[in-house]
């Protein structure tokens, strides 16, 4: 099918300039809820997809915010108050890209029943024992000291001020990338079975 006379063909050479303009404009505009607009792929393949945040329910957002920032050393990524009086807060560890949204659970809501549970969230660190000592010194409550389970590795569990629990696992036993070079089937069998609860 030919083009209609009212729709002239766009020169392909302008496409990279157009994308550069769009990305520049997007990067200079404030993004809602801490979204990093510099990340979308421009390769024409699948649309960009990543995990933005996981939500945990808390009783007091300000108290929880102070815990995550002051005691765990997380970064404050979003702190937005709405006209309705609601507040949206996201924090994230100093390294990594998954955020934690601290959602206020009202006492008479179903969400309030979810406060103080196992979050099913794990943080990973190069040195679990060092992080355990650092955070313990800042008053973070751990369920048990770092331990080596039957499946290997090292891990512990800690709680926030509302009793929401998190795992802290180590990279200690994983081989370095250089150790894997030249091995056939490198990377196979590196995943450990999940601990049984």
C-alpha atoms as a PDB file:
ATOM      1  CA  UNK A   1       0.000   0.000   0.000  1.00  0.00           C
ATOM      2  CA  UNK A   2       1.225   3.470  -0.830  1.00  0.00           C
ATOM      3  CA  UNK A   3       1.252   6.460   1.466  1.00  0.00           C
ATOM      4  CA  UNK A   4      -1.544   8.976   1.220  1.00  0.00           C
ATOM      5  CA  UNK A   5      -0.507  12.374  -0.002  1.00  0.00           C
ATOM      6  CA  UNK A   6      -1.532  13.964   3.283  1.00  0.00           C
ATOM      7  CA  UNK A   7       1.016  11.892   5.247  1.00  0.00           C
ATOM      8  CA  UNK A   8       4.528  12.537   3.989  1.00  0.00           C
ATOM      9  CA  UNK A   9       7.173   9.976   4.837  1.00  0.00           C
ATOM     10  CA  UNK A  10       9.229  10.872   7.915  1.00  0.00           C
ATOM     11  CA  UNK A  11      12.963  10.762   7.360  1.00  0.00           C
ATOM     12  CA  UNK A  12      14.519   7.920   9.354  1.00  0.00           C
ATOM     13  CA  UNK A  13      17.520  10.025  10.236  1.00  0.00           C
ATOM     14  CA  UNK A  14      15.364  12.158  12.577  1.00  0.00           C
ATOM     15  CA  UNK A  15      14.394   9.181  14.770  1.00  0.00           C
ATOM     16  CA  UNK A  16      17.580   9.180  16.907  1.00  0.00           C
ATOM     17  CA  UNK A  17      17.295  12.973  17.341  1.00  0.00           C
ATOM     18  CA  UNK A  18      13.657  12.653  18.354  1.00  0.00           C
ATOM     19  CA  UNK A  19      14.489   9.978  20.929  1.00  0.00           C
ATOM     20  CA  UNK A  20      17.362  12.054  22.267  1.00  0.00           C
ATOM     21  CA  UNK A  21      14.969  15.002  22.657  1.00  0.00           C
ATOM     22  CA  UNK A  22      12.336  12.868  24.398  1.00  0.00           C
ATOM     23  CA  UNK A  23      14.825  11.292  26.788  1.00  0.00           C
ATOM     24  CA  UNK A  24      16.334  14.708  27.581  1.00  0.00           C
ATOM     25  CA  UNK A  25      12.861  16.120  28.297  1.00  0.00           C
ATOM     26  CA  UNK A  26      11.902  13.059  30.352  1.00  0.00           C
ATOM     27  CA  UNK A  27      15.129  13.221  32.321  1.00  0.00           C
ATOM     28  CA  UNK A  28      14.590  16.874  33.201  1.00  0.00           C
ATOM     29  CA  UNK A  29      10.948  16.446  34.235  1.00  0.00           C
ATOM     30  CA  UNK A  30      10.206  15.285  37.759  1.00  0.00           C
ATOM     31  CA  UNK A  31       9.167  11.646  37.709  1.00  0.00           C
ATOM     32  CA  UNK A  32       6.287  10.512  39.890  1.00  0.00           C
ATOM     33  CA  UNK A  33       7.056   8.142  42.763  1.00  0.00           C
ATOM     34  CA  UNK A  34      10.807   8.091  42.166  1.00  0.00           C
ATOM     35  CA  UNK A  35      10.680   6.400  38.765  1.00  0.00           C
ATOM     36  CA  UNK A  36      14.045   6.613  37.013  1.00  0.00           C
ATOM     37  CA  UNK A  37      13.145   7.680  33.494  1.00  0.00           C
ATOM     38  CA  UNK A  38      16.681   7.214  32.195  1.00  0.00           C
ATOM     39  CA  UNK A  39      16.281   3.431  32.210  1.00  0.00           C
ATOM     40  CA  UNK A  40      13.931   2.613  29.283  1.00  0.00           C
ATOM     41  CA  UNK A  41      15.562   0.707  26.437  1.00  0.00           C
ATOM     42  CA  UNK A  42      15.484   2.350  23.063  1.00  0.00           C
ATOM     43  CA  UNK A  43      16.333  -0.749  21.065  1.00  0.00           C
ATOM     44  CA  UNK A  44      12.835  -1.270  19.678  1.00  0.00           C
ATOM     45  CA  UNK A  45      12.613  -4.646  21.400  1.00  0.00           C
ATOM     46  CA  UNK A  46      10.480  -5.495  24.401  1.00  0.00           C
ATOM     47  CA  UNK A  47       9.344  -2.544  26.504  1.00  0.00           C
ATOM     48  CA  UNK A  48      11.440  -1.871  29.604  1.00  0.00           C
ATOM     49  CA  UNK A  49      10.276  -3.826  32.660  1.00  0.00           C
ATOM     50  CA  UNK A  50      11.671  -3.873  36.181  1.00  0.00           C
ATOM     51  CA  UNK A  51      10.473  -4.232  39.733  1.00  0.00           C
ATOM     52  CA  UNK A  52       9.770  -0.792  41.149  1.00  0.00           C
ATOM     53  CA  UNK A  53       8.857  -1.441  44.777  1.00  0.00           C
ATOM     54  CA  UNK A  54       7.483  -3.905  47.286  1.00  0.00           C
ATOM     55  CA  UNK A  55       5.038  -2.667  49.874  1.00  0.00           C
ATOM     56  CA  UNK A  56       5.096  -3.303  53.573  1.00  0.00           C
ATOM     57  CA  UNK A  57       2.481  -2.040  55.991  1.00  0.00           C
ATOM     58  CA  UNK A  58       3.524   0.035  58.993  1.00  0.00           C
ATOM     59  CA  UNK A  59       1.766   1.641  61.951  1.00  0.00           C
ATOM     60  CA  UNK A  60       3.654   4.958  61.929  1.00  0.00           C
ATOM     61  CA  UNK A  61       5.281   6.117  58.693  1.00  0.00           C
ATOM     62  CA  UNK A  62       7.577   8.686  60.297  1.00  0.00           C
ATOM     63  CA  UNK A  63       8.877   6.206  62.880  1.00  0.00           C
ATOM     64  CA  UNK A  64       9.414   3.603  60.154  1.00  0.00           C
ATOM     65  CA  UNK A  65      11.131   6.134  57.905  1.00  0.00           C
ATOM     66  CA  UNK A  66      13.577   7.010  60.699  1.00  0.00           C
ATOM     67  CA  UNK A  67      14.294   3.300  61.245  1.00  0.00           C
ATOM     68  CA  UNK A  68      15.073   2.552  57.589  1.00  0.00           C
ATOM     69  CA  UNK A  69      17.135   5.697  57.033  1.00  0.00           C
ATOM     70  CA  UNK A  70      18.887   6.107  60.399  1.00  0.00           C
ATOM     71  CA  UNK A  71      19.334   2.505  61.516  1.00  0.00           C
ATOM     72  CA  UNK A  72      19.627   0.573  58.252  1.00  0.00           C
ATOM     73  CA  UNK A  73      21.262   3.337  56.214  1.00  0.00           C
ATOM     74  CA  UNK A  74      18.669   3.177  53.433  1.00  0.00           C
ATOM     75  CA  UNK A  75      18.115   6.161  51.141  1.00  0.00           C
ATOM     76  CA  UNK A  76      14.888   8.151  51.159  1.00  0.00           C
ATOM     77  CA  UNK A  77      13.681   7.957  47.554  1.00  0.00           C
ATOM     78  CA  UNK A  78      10.135   9.317  47.698  1.00  0.00           C
ATOM     79  CA  UNK A  79       8.288  11.279  50.360  1.00  0.00           C
ATOM     80  CA  UNK A  80       5.086  12.692  48.880  1.00  0.00           C
ATOM     81  CA  UNK A  81       2.181  14.129  50.860  1.00  0.00           C
ATOM     82  CA  UNK A  82      -1.127  14.367  49.033  1.00  0.00           C
ATOM     83  CA  UNK A  83      -3.893  16.949  49.393  1.00  0.00           C
ATOM     84  CA  UNK A  84      -5.990  14.250  51.060  1.00  0.00           C
ATOM     85  CA  UNK A  85      -3.373  14.065  53.830  1.00  0.00           C
ATOM     86  CA  UNK A  86      -2.086  10.659  52.707  1.00  0.00           C
ATOM     87  CA  UNK A  87       1.642  10.131  52.437  1.00  0.00           C
ATOM     88  CA  UNK A  88       3.672   7.916  50.099  1.00  0.00           C
ATOM     89  CA  UNK A  89       7.184   6.963  51.203  1.00  0.00           C
ATOM     90  CA  UNK A  90       9.735   4.786  49.424  1.00  0.00           C
ATOM     91  CA  UNK A  91      13.170   3.855  50.753  1.00  0.00           C
ATOM     92  CA  UNK A  92      15.897   1.730  49.240  1.00  0.00           C
ATOM     93  CA  UNK A  93      19.208   0.195  50.229  1.00  0.00           C
ATOM     94  CA  UNK A  94      22.343   2.098  49.253  1.00  0.00           C
ATOM     95  CA  UNK A  95      23.048  -0.474  46.529  1.00  0.00           C
ATOM     96  CA  UNK A  96      20.413  -2.092  44.350  1.00  0.00           C
ATOM     97  CA  UNK A  97      17.244  -1.022  42.635  1.00  0.00           C
ATOM     98  CA  UNK A  98      14.270  -2.453  44.531  1.00  0.00           C
ATOM     99  CA  UNK A  99      12.446   0.061  46.704  1.00  0.00           C
ATOM    100  CA  UNK A 100      10.345  -0.577  49.796  1.00  0.00           C
ATOM    101  CA  UNK A 101       7.126   1.428  50.095  1.00  0.00           C
ATOM    102  CA  UNK A 102       6.151   2.157  53.698  1.00  0.00           C
ATOM    103  CA  UNK A 103       2.344   2.090  53.526  1.00  0.00           C
ATOM    104  CA  UNK A 104       0.313   3.266  56.498  1.00  0.00           C
ATOM    105  CA  UNK A 105      -2.115   0.635  57.744  1.00  0.00           C
ATOM    106  CA  UNK A 106      -5.093   2.059  59.636  1.00  0.00           C
ATOM    107  CA  UNK A 107      -6.061   0.121  62.797  1.00  0.00           C
ATOM    108  CA  UNK A 108      -9.502  -0.876  61.480  1.00  0.00           C
ATOM    109  CA  UNK A 109      -8.251  -2.043  58.045  1.00  0.00           C
ATOM    110  CA  UNK A 110      -7.416  -5.495  56.677  1.00  0.00           C
ATOM    111  CA  UNK A 111      -3.919  -4.181  55.935  1.00  0.00           C
ATOM    112  CA  UNK A 112      -3.354  -3.649  59.664  1.00  0.00           C
ATOM    113  CA  UNK A 113      -3.451  -7.435  60.104  1.00  0.00           C
ATOM    114  CA  UNK A 114      -0.418  -7.636  57.786  1.00  0.00           C
ATOM    115  CA  UNK A 115       1.803  -5.490  60.025  1.00  0.00           C
ATOM    116  CA  UNK A 116       4.447  -7.472  61.873  1.00  0.00           C
ATOM    117  CA  UNK A 117       4.701 -10.464  59.548  1.00  0.00           C
ATOM    118  CA  UNK A 118       7.425 -12.086  57.508  1.00  0.00           C
ATOM    119  CA  UNK A 119       7.806  -9.761  54.521  1.00  0.00           C
ATOM    120  CA  UNK A 120       9.343 -12.485  52.310  1.00  0.00           C
ATOM    121  CA  UNK A 121      11.929  -9.850  51.351  1.00  0.00           C
ATOM    122  CA  UNK A 122      15.655 -10.626  51.412  1.00  0.00           C
ATOM    123  CA  UNK A 123      18.534  -8.186  51.294  1.00  0.00           C
ATOM    124  CA  UNK A 124      21.909  -9.437  50.118  1.00  0.00           C
ATOM    125  CA  UNK A 125      25.318  -8.278  51.293  1.00  0.00           C
ATOM    126  CA  UNK A 126      28.970  -9.171  50.860  1.00  0.00           C
ATOM    127  CA  UNK A 127      29.457  -9.599  54.605  1.00  0.00           C
ATOM    128  CA  UNK A 128      26.464 -10.703  56.694  1.00  0.00           C
ATOM    129  CA  UNK A 129      28.456 -10.773  59.944  1.00  0.00           C
ATOM    130  CA  UNK A 130      29.730  -7.211  59.484  1.00  0.00           C
ATOM    131  CA  UNK A 131      26.231  -5.944  58.625  1.00  0.00           C
ATOM    132  CA  UNK A 132      24.823  -7.853  61.621  1.00  0.00           C
ATOM    133  CA  UNK A 133      27.336  -6.123  63.945  1.00  0.00           C
ATOM    134  CA  UNK A 134      26.784  -2.701  62.380  1.00  0.00           C
ATOM    135  CA  UNK A 135      22.988  -2.857  62.511  1.00  0.00           C
ATOM    136  CA  UNK A 136      22.932  -4.459  65.979  1.00  0.00           C
ATOM    137  CA  UNK A 137      25.033  -1.524  67.176  1.00  0.00           C
ATOM    138  CA  UNK A 138      22.352   0.798  65.797  1.00  0.00           C
ATOM    139  CA  UNK A 139      19.615  -1.023  67.709  1.00  0.00           C
ATOM    140  CA  UNK A 140      18.249  -3.253  64.936  1.00  0.00           C
ATOM    141  CA  UNK A 141      16.617  -6.383  66.395  1.00  0.00           C
ATOM    142  CA  UNK A 142      17.753  -9.680  64.869  1.00  0.00           C
ATOM    143  CA  UNK A 143      15.853 -12.956  65.322  1.00  0.00           C
ATOM    144  CA  UNK A 144      19.137 -14.896  65.496  1.00  0.00           C
ATOM    145  CA  UNK A 145      22.840 -14.326  64.776  1.00  0.00           C
ATOM    146  CA  UNK A 146      24.192 -15.159  61.300  1.00  0.00           C
ATOM    147  CA  UNK A 147      24.151 -18.884  60.688  1.00  0.00           C
ATOM    148  CA  UNK A 148      25.188 -21.332  58.001  1.00  0.00           C
ATOM    149  CA  UNK A 149      22.207 -23.511  57.048  1.00  0.00           C
ATOM    150  CA  UNK A 150      22.406 -26.996  55.539  1.00  0.00           C
ATOM    151  CA  UNK A 151      22.048 -25.554  52.020  1.00  0.00           C
ATOM    152  CA  UNK A 152      25.173 -23.398  52.485  1.00  0.00           C
ATOM    153  CA  UNK A 153      25.688 -19.672  52.462  1.00  0.00           C
ATOM    154  CA  UNK A 154      25.087 -17.500  55.498  1.00  0.00           C
ATOM    155  CA  UNK A 155      21.986 -15.633  56.586  1.00  0.00           C
ATOM    156  CA  UNK A 156      20.032 -14.055  59.436  1.00  0.00           C
ATOM    157  CA  UNK A 157      16.697 -12.335  59.913  1.00  0.00           C
ATOM    158  CA  UNK A 158      15.968  -8.875  61.287  1.00  0.00           C
ATOM    159  CA  UNK A 159      12.838  -6.908  62.146  1.00  0.00           C
ATOM    160  CA  UNK A 160      11.777  -3.331  61.621  1.00  0.00           C
ATOM    161  CA  UNK A 161      10.073  -1.248  64.315  1.00  0.00           C
ATOM    162  CA  UNK A 162       6.689  -2.825  63.502  1.00  0.00           C
ATOM    163  CA  UNK A 163       7.959  -6.412  63.655  1.00  0.00           C
ATOM    164  CA  UNK A 164       8.003  -6.897  59.862  1.00  0.00           C
ATOM    165  CA  UNK A 165      10.787  -9.410  59.324  1.00  0.00           C
ATOM    166  CA  UNK A 166      13.364  -9.525  56.539  1.00  0.00           C
ATOM    167  CA  UNK A 167      16.130 -11.888  55.529  1.00  0.00           C
ATOM    168  CA  UNK A 168      19.751 -10.857  55.196  1.00  0.00           C
ATOM    169  CA  UNK A 169      21.773 -13.274  53.074  1.00  0.00           C
ATOM    170  CA  UNK A 170      25.414 -13.261  52.051  1.00  0.00           C
ATOM    171  CA  UNK A 171      27.412 -13.558  48.891  1.00  0.00           C
ATOM    172  CA  UNK A 172      30.244 -15.044  50.939  1.00  0.00           C
ATOM    173  CA  UNK A 173      30.181 -18.532  49.463  1.00  0.00           C
ATOM    174  CA  UNK A 174      29.493 -17.576  45.826  1.00  0.00           C
ATOM    175  CA  UNK A 175      32.466 -17.912  43.460  1.00  0.00           C
ATOM    176  CA  UNK A 176      33.804 -14.755  41.880  1.00  0.00           C
ATOM    177  CA  UNK A 177      33.219 -14.253  38.148  1.00  0.00           C
ATOM    178  CA  UNK A 178      36.913 -14.851  37.433  1.00  0.00           C
ATOM    179  CA  UNK A 179      36.705 -18.231  39.178  1.00  0.00           C
ATOM    180  CA  UNK A 180      34.084 -19.360  36.664  1.00  0.00           C
ATOM    181  CA  UNK A 181      35.902 -18.432  33.456  1.00  0.00           C
ATOM    182  CA  UNK A 182      36.890 -21.424  31.394  1.00  0.00           C
ATOM    183  CA  UNK A 183      34.616 -23.861  33.216  1.00  0.00           C
ATOM    184  CA  UNK A 184      32.131 -25.694  31.049  1.00  0.00           C
ATOM    185  CA  UNK A 185      28.639 -25.259  32.381  1.00  0.00           C
ATOM    186  CA  UNK A 186      29.721 -22.297  34.504  1.00  0.00           C
ATOM    187  CA  UNK A 187      26.852 -21.081  36.595  1.00  0.00           C
ATOM    188  CA  UNK A 188      24.960 -24.378  36.596  1.00  0.00           C
ATOM    189  CA  UNK A 189      23.907 -25.525  40.022  1.00  0.00           C
ATOM    190  CA  UNK A 190      24.814 -22.259  41.745  1.00  0.00           C
ATOM    191  CA  UNK A 191      21.347 -21.674  43.089  1.00  0.00           C
ATOM    192  CA  UNK A 192      20.856 -23.019  46.568  1.00  0.00           C
ATOM    193  CA  UNK A 193      17.668 -24.680  47.694  1.00  0.00           C
ATOM    194  CA  UNK A 194      15.392 -22.432  49.712  1.00  0.00           C
ATOM    195  CA  UNK A 195      15.476 -22.852  53.487  1.00  0.00           C
ATOM    196  CA  UNK A 196      12.519 -24.671  54.987  1.00  0.00           C
ATOM    197  CA  UNK A 197      10.491 -22.684  57.513  1.00  0.00           C
END
